Amino acid sequence: MPALSLIALLSLVSTVFTRQWEVHPPQQQGRHWAQICSGNPFNKIRGCDRYGCGNYGASRQGKGEKHKGVDVICSDGSTVYAPFSGQLSGPIRFFHNGNAIDDGVQISGSGYCVKLVCIHPIRYHGQIQKGQQLGRMLPMQKVFPGIVSHIHVENCDQSDPTHLLRPDVLPPFPQQDTHWATVCSGNPTNEIRGCDKYGCGYFGAPRRNGKGEKHKGVDVICADGATVFAPFSGELSGPIKFFHNGNAIDDGVQIRGSGFCVKLLCIHPIRYSGRISKGQVLGRMLPMQRVFPGIISHIHVENCDRSDPTSNLERGQGRRK
């Protein structure tokens, strides 16, 4: 190739690359956003409760509208972080009625533009860096008692942000798969119940029984009647009677194997003994609403040694093996 032609080609490539760089600047540390709320390292999205569902495109009751964002689970008062670096602007008033959660902020930068609603930012203007403290979660339970408290995350163009919400978190070294399969149909990521009028579903949550006790398991959200799956392969034993009063949800089973031992309560298993494989149908969710009207229906998942099973339940989707 003649020297002049080569120079012209290199010049053209350089010009095109420069324009591409300007339009699509490189993202810092991958295309995924950082953790948004303390206590929710994987930006888990709210499932369904009596107020509706938190996924993008979910129906909005009585209006015929669709959800134009996603609801990232966040306990009232939790610290909120910037998902990416950019310029702040606001305030954003979503409800326009001055209620206790009618606040928020917009971030534009790094090729993104998003509104974070139901938070109180530390400021409404200026630059912020990815992962830097942005503000705090407002008291959603004051406005919607029993809802799974959350930050409403909405792209400025109202496109779906779900795929961006997986933080760039990598294990420090290859290891045996310790994550369990999806436990309940309709909850592919084993989302844990937030707080409602009966209490909270996370491990160690206070129990309102006047005894100063703590929650010894976690509550995986599961609609009444939903299919329940084995989180890992093992040997069944039971029945497990948690309430010892014969109510409509006083049933369950234990699974031991694959290095784990767990009790799954408020379900009716297909059998109480024998082998079961990871992801195989285990039974069905019992009618919790009959016993606790208005609660977020759930399976109580408790390790036999009463250690915290939360880390095993994370990212259940796609792990039925």
Protein backbone atom coordinates (compact mmCIF):
# COMPACT_ATOMS: atom_id res chain seq x y z
CA MET A 1 0.00 0.00 0.00
CA PRO A 2 1.41 3.44 -0.94
CA ALA A 3 2.58 5.54 2.01
CA LEU A 4 0.08 8.36 1.33
CA SER A 5 -2.85 5.90 1.20
CA LEU A 6 -1.74 4.31 4.48
CA ILE A 7 -1.50 7.72 6.17
CA ALA A 8 -4.97 8.64 4.87
CA LEU A 9 -6.42 5.37 6.19
CA LEU A 10 -4.84 5.83 9.62
CA SER A 11 -6.18 9.37 9.74
CA LEU A 12 -9.69 8.13 8.91
CA VAL A 13 -9.54 5.40 11.57
CA SER A 14 -8.30 7.94 14.13
CA THR A 15 -11.15 10.33 13.32
CA VAL A 16 -13.81 7.60 13.57
CA PHE A 17 -12.36 6.32 16.87
CA THR A 18 -12.30 9.82 18.32
CA ARG A 19 -15.96 10.38 17.41
CA GLN A 20 -16.94 7.00 18.86
CA TRP A 21 -15.04 7.87 22.08
CA GLU A 22 -16.91 11.19 22.34
CA VAL A 23 -20.33 9.60 21.79
CA HIS A 24 -19.68 6.45 23.86
CA PRO A 25 -17.06 7.23 26.51
CA PRO A 26 -15.52 4.21 28.23
CA GLN A 27 -17.21 3.21 31.51
CA GLN A 28 -15.19 2.99 34.68
CA GLN A 29 -14.78 -0.61 35.89
CA GLY A 30 -17.27 -2.17 33.48
CA ARG A 31 -20.71 -1.30 32.26
CA HIS A 32 -22.56 -2.34 35.40
CA TRP A 33 -23.57 0.16 38.05
CA ALA A 34 -22.28 0.13 41.62
CA GLN A 35 -24.24 -1.03 44.66
CA ILE A 36 -27.02 1.50 45.28
CA CYS A 37 -28.17 0.71 48.82
CA SER A 38 -26.25 -0.50 51.87
CA GLY A 39 -27.45 -3.96 52.83
CA ASN A 40 -28.28 -4.87 49.22
CA PRO A 41 -24.90 -5.59 47.56
CA PHE A 42 -26.43 -7.12 44.41
CA ASN A 43 -29.12 -4.44 43.83
CA LYS A 44 -31.93 -6.94 44.33
CA ILE A 45 -35.22 -5.77 42.90
CA ARG A 46 -38.41 -5.74 44.95
CA GLY A 47 -40.77 -8.60 44.19
CA CYS A 48 -44.52 -8.30 44.71
CA ASP A 49 -46.44 -7.11 47.76
CA ARG A 50 -49.95 -5.78 48.31
CA TYR A 51 -49.02 -2.51 46.60
CA GLY A 52 -47.72 -4.09 43.39
CA CYS A 53 -44.48 -5.42 41.92
CA GLY A 54 -41.05 -3.81 41.53
CA ASN A 55 -39.92 -5.13 38.14
CA TYR A 56 -39.75 -2.99 35.02
CA GLY A 57 -43.04 -2.97 33.12
CA ALA A 58 -45.11 -4.23 36.06
CA SER A 59 -48.78 -3.23 35.94
CA ARG A 60 -49.85 -0.28 38.04
CA GLN A 61 -53.19 -0.87 39.76
CA GLY A 62 -56.21 1.08 38.58
CA LYS A 63 -54.36 3.20 36.02
CA GLY A 64 -53.66 0.78 33.19
CA GLU A 65 -50.07 2.03 33.25
CA LYS A 66 -46.79 0.14 33.38
CA HIS A 67 -43.91 0.61 35.81
CA LYS A 68 -41.35 2.82 34.07
CA GLY A 69 -38.46 1.94 36.38
CA VAL A 70 -37.36 -0.73 38.83
CA ASP A 71 -37.55 -0.78 42.62
CA VAL A 72 -34.23 -1.62 44.28
CA ILE A 73 -34.78 -2.97 47.80
CA CYS A 74 -33.55 -0.57 50.48
CA SER A 75 -34.45 -0.44 54.16
CA ASP A 76 -35.69 2.86 55.53
CA GLY A 77 -32.78 5.04 56.67
CA SER A 78 -30.12 3.07 54.77
CA THR A 79 -27.16 4.77 53.09
CA VAL A 80 -27.57 5.29 49.34
CA TYR A 81 -24.65 5.34 46.87
CA ALA A 82 -24.14 6.75 43.37
CA PRO A 83 -24.47 3.97 40.75
CA PHE A 84 -22.05 5.76 38.39
CA SER A 85 -20.09 9.03 38.17
CA GLY A 86 -21.91 12.10 36.92
CA GLN A 87 -23.60 15.43 37.48
CA LEU A 88 -26.38 15.81 40.05
CA SER A 89 -29.57 17.79 39.46
CA GLY A 90 -32.79 18.10 41.40
CA PRO A 91 -34.77 17.85 43.50
CA ILE A 92 -37.00 15.25 41.81
CA ARG A 93 -40.56 15.29 43.14
CA PHE A 94 -42.24 12.05 42.11
CA PHE A 95 -45.44 12.33 44.13
CA HIS A 96 -45.83 16.15 44.08
CA ASN A 97 -47.62 16.05 47.42
CA GLY A 98 -44.84 16.66 49.93
CA ASN A 99 -45.19 13.30 51.67
CA ALA A 100 -42.32 11.76 53.65
CA ILE A 101 -40.72 10.13 50.57
CA ASP A 102 -41.33 12.84 47.96
CA ASP A 103 -37.69 13.56 47.21
CA GLY A 104 -34.98 12.38 44.87
CA VAL A 105 -32.19 13.36 42.51
CA GLN A 106 -31.04 12.85 38.92
CA ILE A 107 -27.53 11.78 37.87
CA SER A 108 -26.26 12.32 34.32
CA GLY A 109 -22.85 11.11 33.17
CA SER A 110 -20.72 8.14 32.12
CA GLY A 111 -23.16 7.60 29.25
CA TYR A 112 -26.18 7.27 31.55
CA CYS A 113 -28.99 9.40 32.98
CA VAL A 114 -31.09 8.11 35.87
CA LYS A 115 -33.52 9.35 38.51
CA LEU A 116 -33.31 7.94 42.04
CA VAL A 117 -36.55 8.57 43.89
CA CYS A 118 -37.64 8.15 47.54
CA ILE A 119 -34.19 9.18 48.80
CA HIS A 120 -32.85 12.35 50.36
CA PRO A 121 -29.56 13.25 48.67
CA ILE A 122 -26.71 14.99 50.47
CA ARG A 123 -26.93 17.66 47.74
CA TYR A 124 -28.84 18.33 44.53
CA HIS A 125 -26.02 19.73 42.39
CA GLY A 126 -22.36 19.14 41.60
CA GLN A 127 -20.27 16.13 40.63
CA ILE A 128 -20.41 12.73 42.32
CA GLN A 129 -18.27 9.63 41.84
CA LYS A 130 -19.40 6.03 41.32
CA GLY A 131 -19.87 4.37 44.72
CA GLN A 132 -19.71 7.68 46.64
CA GLN A 133 -22.35 8.29 49.31
CA LEU A 134 -25.34 9.96 47.68
CA GLY A 135 -27.80 10.23 50.55
CA ARG A 136 -30.19 8.10 52.59
CA MET A 137 -33.37 6.14 52.07
CA LEU A 138 -36.52 7.93 53.21
CA PRO A 139 -39.14 6.37 55.58
CA MET A 140 -41.30 4.53 53.05
CA GLN A 141 -43.10 2.56 55.76
CA LYS A 142 -44.69 5.81 56.97
CA VAL A 143 -46.37 6.27 53.60
CA PHE A 144 -46.95 2.64 52.52
CA PRO A 145 -47.07 0.42 55.64
CA GLY A 146 -46.02 -3.15 54.89
CA ILE A 147 -44.47 -2.43 51.48
CA VAL A 148 -41.01 -3.77 50.64
CA SER A 149 -39.08 -0.50 51.09
CA HIS A 150 -37.17 0.47 47.96
CA ILE A 151 -35.53 3.13 45.82
CA HIS A 152 -37.37 3.80 42.57
CA VAL A 153 -34.70 3.76 39.84
CA GLU A 154 -35.85 5.21 36.51
CA ASN A 155 -33.79 5.90 33.39
CA CYS A 156 -34.38 9.40 32.04
CA ASP A 157 -35.52 7.91 28.71
CA GLN A 158 -37.69 5.41 30.63
CA SER A 159 -35.80 2.42 29.19
CA ASP A 160 -35.24 -0.70 31.29
CA PRO A 161 -32.23 -0.34 33.68
CA THR A 162 -32.39 -3.91 35.01
CA HIS A 163 -29.32 -5.23 33.16
CA LEU A 164 -27.20 -2.36 34.47
CA LEU A 165 -27.99 -3.06 38.12
CA ARG A 166 -25.67 -6.07 38.50
CA PRO A 167 -22.60 -4.65 40.31
CA ASP A 168 -19.11 -5.58 39.10
CA VAL A 169 -18.49 -8.00 41.97
CA LEU A 170 -16.21 -10.96 41.27
CA PRO A 171 -15.26 -13.79 43.65
CA PRO A 172 -11.63 -13.56 44.82
CA PHE A 173 -10.82 -17.02 43.44
CA PRO A 174 -12.58 -19.95 41.76
CA GLN A 175 -14.58 -21.96 44.26
CA GLN A 176 -17.19 -24.68 44.47
CA ASP A 177 -20.68 -23.41 43.71
CA THR A 178 -22.19 -22.67 47.12
CA HIS A 179 -25.26 -20.88 45.79
CA TRP A 180 -28.59 -22.60 46.10
CA ALA A 181 -31.17 -22.96 43.35
CA THR A 182 -34.34 -20.90 43.08
CA VAL A 183 -36.55 -21.87 46.03
CA CYS A 184 -39.93 -20.50 44.89
CA SER A 185 -41.49 -20.07 41.44
CA GLY A 186 -42.00 -16.38 40.72
CA ASN A 187 -38.91 -15.43 42.75
CA PRO A 188 -35.96 -16.50 40.59
CA THR A 189 -33.33 -14.66 42.66
CA ASN A 190 -34.58 -15.81 46.10
CA GLU A 191 -35.52 -12.29 47.11
CA ILE A 192 -35.91 -11.93 50.87
CA ARG A 193 -39.02 -10.41 52.44
CA GLY A 194 -38.60 -6.85 53.60
CA CYS A 195 -40.60 -5.43 56.50
CA ASP A 196 -44.35 -5.46 57.04
CA LYS A 197 -46.66 -5.06 60.03
CA TYR A 198 -45.59 -8.47 61.34
CA GLY A 199 -41.85 -7.81 61.25
CA CYS A 200 -38.88 -8.16 58.87
CA GLY A 201 -37.59 -11.15 56.93
CA TYR A 202 -33.83 -10.79 57.10
CA PHE A 203 -31.55 -12.85 59.34
CA GLY A 204 -31.26 -11.46 62.87
CA ALA A 205 -34.34 -9.22 62.60
CA PRO A 206 -35.98 -8.46 65.98
CA ARG A 207 -39.06 -10.50 66.79
CA ARG A 208 -41.99 -8.57 68.25
CA ASN A 209 -42.93 -11.15 70.84
CA GLY A 210 -41.67 -9.31 73.88
CA LYS A 211 -38.89 -11.84 74.42
CA GLY A 212 -36.03 -9.94 72.77
CA GLU A 213 -35.44 -12.78 70.33
CA LYS A 214 -33.88 -12.51 66.86
CA HIS A 215 -34.95 -14.09 63.58
CA LYS A 216 -32.99 -17.32 63.20
CA GLY A 217 -33.57 -17.71 59.47
CA VAL A 218 -34.57 -15.69 56.41
CA ASP A 219 -37.96 -15.36 54.73
CA VAL A 220 -37.84 -15.99 50.97
CA ILE A 221 -40.78 -14.31 49.25
CA CYS A 222 -43.25 -16.87 47.87
CA ALA A 223 -46.88 -16.39 46.84
CA ASP A 224 -49.46 -18.67 48.43
CA GLY A 225 -49.82 -21.84 46.37
CA ALA A 226 -46.57 -21.33 44.42
CA THR A 227 -44.34 -24.26 43.50
CA VAL A 228 -41.35 -24.80 45.80
CA PHE A 229 -38.03 -26.28 44.65
CA ALA A 230 -35.14 -27.97 46.44
CA PRO A 231 -32.28 -25.49 46.93
CA PHE A 232 -29.67 -28.28 46.79
CA SER A 233 -29.50 -32.06 46.51
CA GLY A 234 -29.94 -34.08 49.69
CA GLU A 235 -31.99 -36.31 51.95
CA LEU A 236 -35.45 -35.27 53.12
CA SER A 237 -36.76 -35.66 56.66
CA GLY A 238 -39.87 -34.43 58.43
CA PRO A 239 -42.44 -33.23 58.92
CA ILE A 240 -41.19 -30.04 60.60
CA LYS A 241 -43.87 -28.36 62.73
CA PHE A 242 -42.82 -24.77 63.50
CA PHE A 243 -45.97 -23.48 65.19
CA HIS A 244 -47.07 -26.75 66.84
CA ASN A 245 -50.70 -25.64 66.66
CA GLY A 246 -51.93 -27.26 63.45
CA ASN A 247 -52.67 -23.98 61.68
CA ALA A 248 -52.83 -23.77 57.88
CA ILE A 249 -49.07 -23.22 57.48
CA ASP A 250 -47.73 -25.51 60.22
CA ASP A 251 -45.77 -27.83 57.93
CA GLY A 252 -42.29 -28.11 56.44
CA VAL A 253 -39.35 -30.36 55.71
CA GLN A 254 -35.60 -30.62 56.29
CA ILE A 255 -32.99 -31.25 53.58
CA ARG A 256 -29.49 -32.47 54.42
CA GLY A 257 -26.77 -32.95 51.82
CA SER A 258 -24.21 -31.27 49.53
CA GLY A 259 -22.56 -29.86 52.67
CA PHE A 260 -25.75 -28.12 53.86
CA CYS A 261 -28.64 -28.74 56.22
CA VAL A 262 -31.72 -26.52 56.06
CA LYS A 263 -35.35 -26.42 57.17
CA LEU A 264 -37.99 -25.02 54.82
CA LEU A 265 -41.15 -24.06 56.67
CA CYS A 266 -44.68 -23.00 55.73
CA ILE A 267 -44.62 -25.37 52.76
CA HIS A 268 -46.25 -28.74 52.09
CA PRO A 269 -43.64 -31.10 50.62
CA ILE A 270 -44.48 -33.82 48.13
CA ARG A 271 -42.87 -36.26 50.60
CA TYR A 272 -41.04 -36.21 53.92
CA SER A 273 -38.29 -38.73 53.21
CA GLY A 274 -36.06 -39.94 50.40
CA ARG A 275 -33.59 -38.25 48.07
CA ILE A 276 -34.22 -35.04 46.16
CA SER A 277 -32.10 -33.23 43.55
CA LYS A 278 -31.25 -29.55 43.35
CA GLY A 279 -34.01 -27.68 41.50
CA GLN A 280 -36.49 -30.58 41.69
CA VAL A 281 -40.08 -29.81 42.75
CA LEU A 282 -40.21 -30.07 46.53
CA GLY A 283 -43.81 -29.04 47.20
CA ARG A 284 -46.01 -25.97 47.34
CA MET A 285 -46.33 -22.83 49.43
CA LEU A 286 -49.10 -22.99 52.07
CA PRO A 287 -51.83 -20.28 52.45
CA MET A 288 -50.01 -17.81 54.72
CA GLN A 289 -52.57 -15.07 54.14
CA ARG A 290 -55.13 -17.15 56.04
CA VAL A 291 -52.98 -17.05 59.16
CA PHE A 292 -51.32 -13.62 58.79
CA PRO A 293 -53.52 -11.40 56.58
CA GLY A 294 -51.51 -8.73 54.76
CA ILE A 295 -48.10 -10.28 55.44
CA ILE A 296 -45.61 -10.71 52.58
CA SER A 297 -46.08 -14.44 52.01
CA HIS A 298 -42.82 -16.34 52.33
CA ILE A 299 -40.96 -19.57 53.02
CA HIS A 300 -39.04 -19.51 56.29
CA VAL A 301 -35.55 -20.85 55.47
CA GLU A 302 -33.46 -21.79 58.50
CA ASN A 303 -30.07 -23.50 58.61
CA CYS A 304 -30.00 -26.47 61.00
CA ASP A 305 -27.16 -24.80 62.93
CA ARG A 306 -29.03 -21.46 62.84
CA SER A 307 -26.25 -19.72 60.92
CA ASP A 308 -27.11 -17.08 58.31
CA PRO A 309 -28.16 -18.65 54.94
CA THR A 310 -28.37 -15.32 53.07
CA SER A 311 -25.15 -15.73 51.08
CA ASN A 312 -26.25 -19.15 49.82
CA LEU A 313 -29.57 -17.76 48.60
CA GLU A 314 -28.12 -14.95 46.49
CA ARG A 315 -28.43 -15.14 42.71
CA GLY A 316 -30.67 -18.19 42.66
CA GLN A 317 -31.72 -17.62 39.05
CA GLY A 318 -30.40 -20.13 36.57
CA ARG A 319 -28.97 -22.44 39.22
CA ARG A 320 -31.42 -25.33 39.07
CA LYS A 321 -28.88 -28.09 38.48
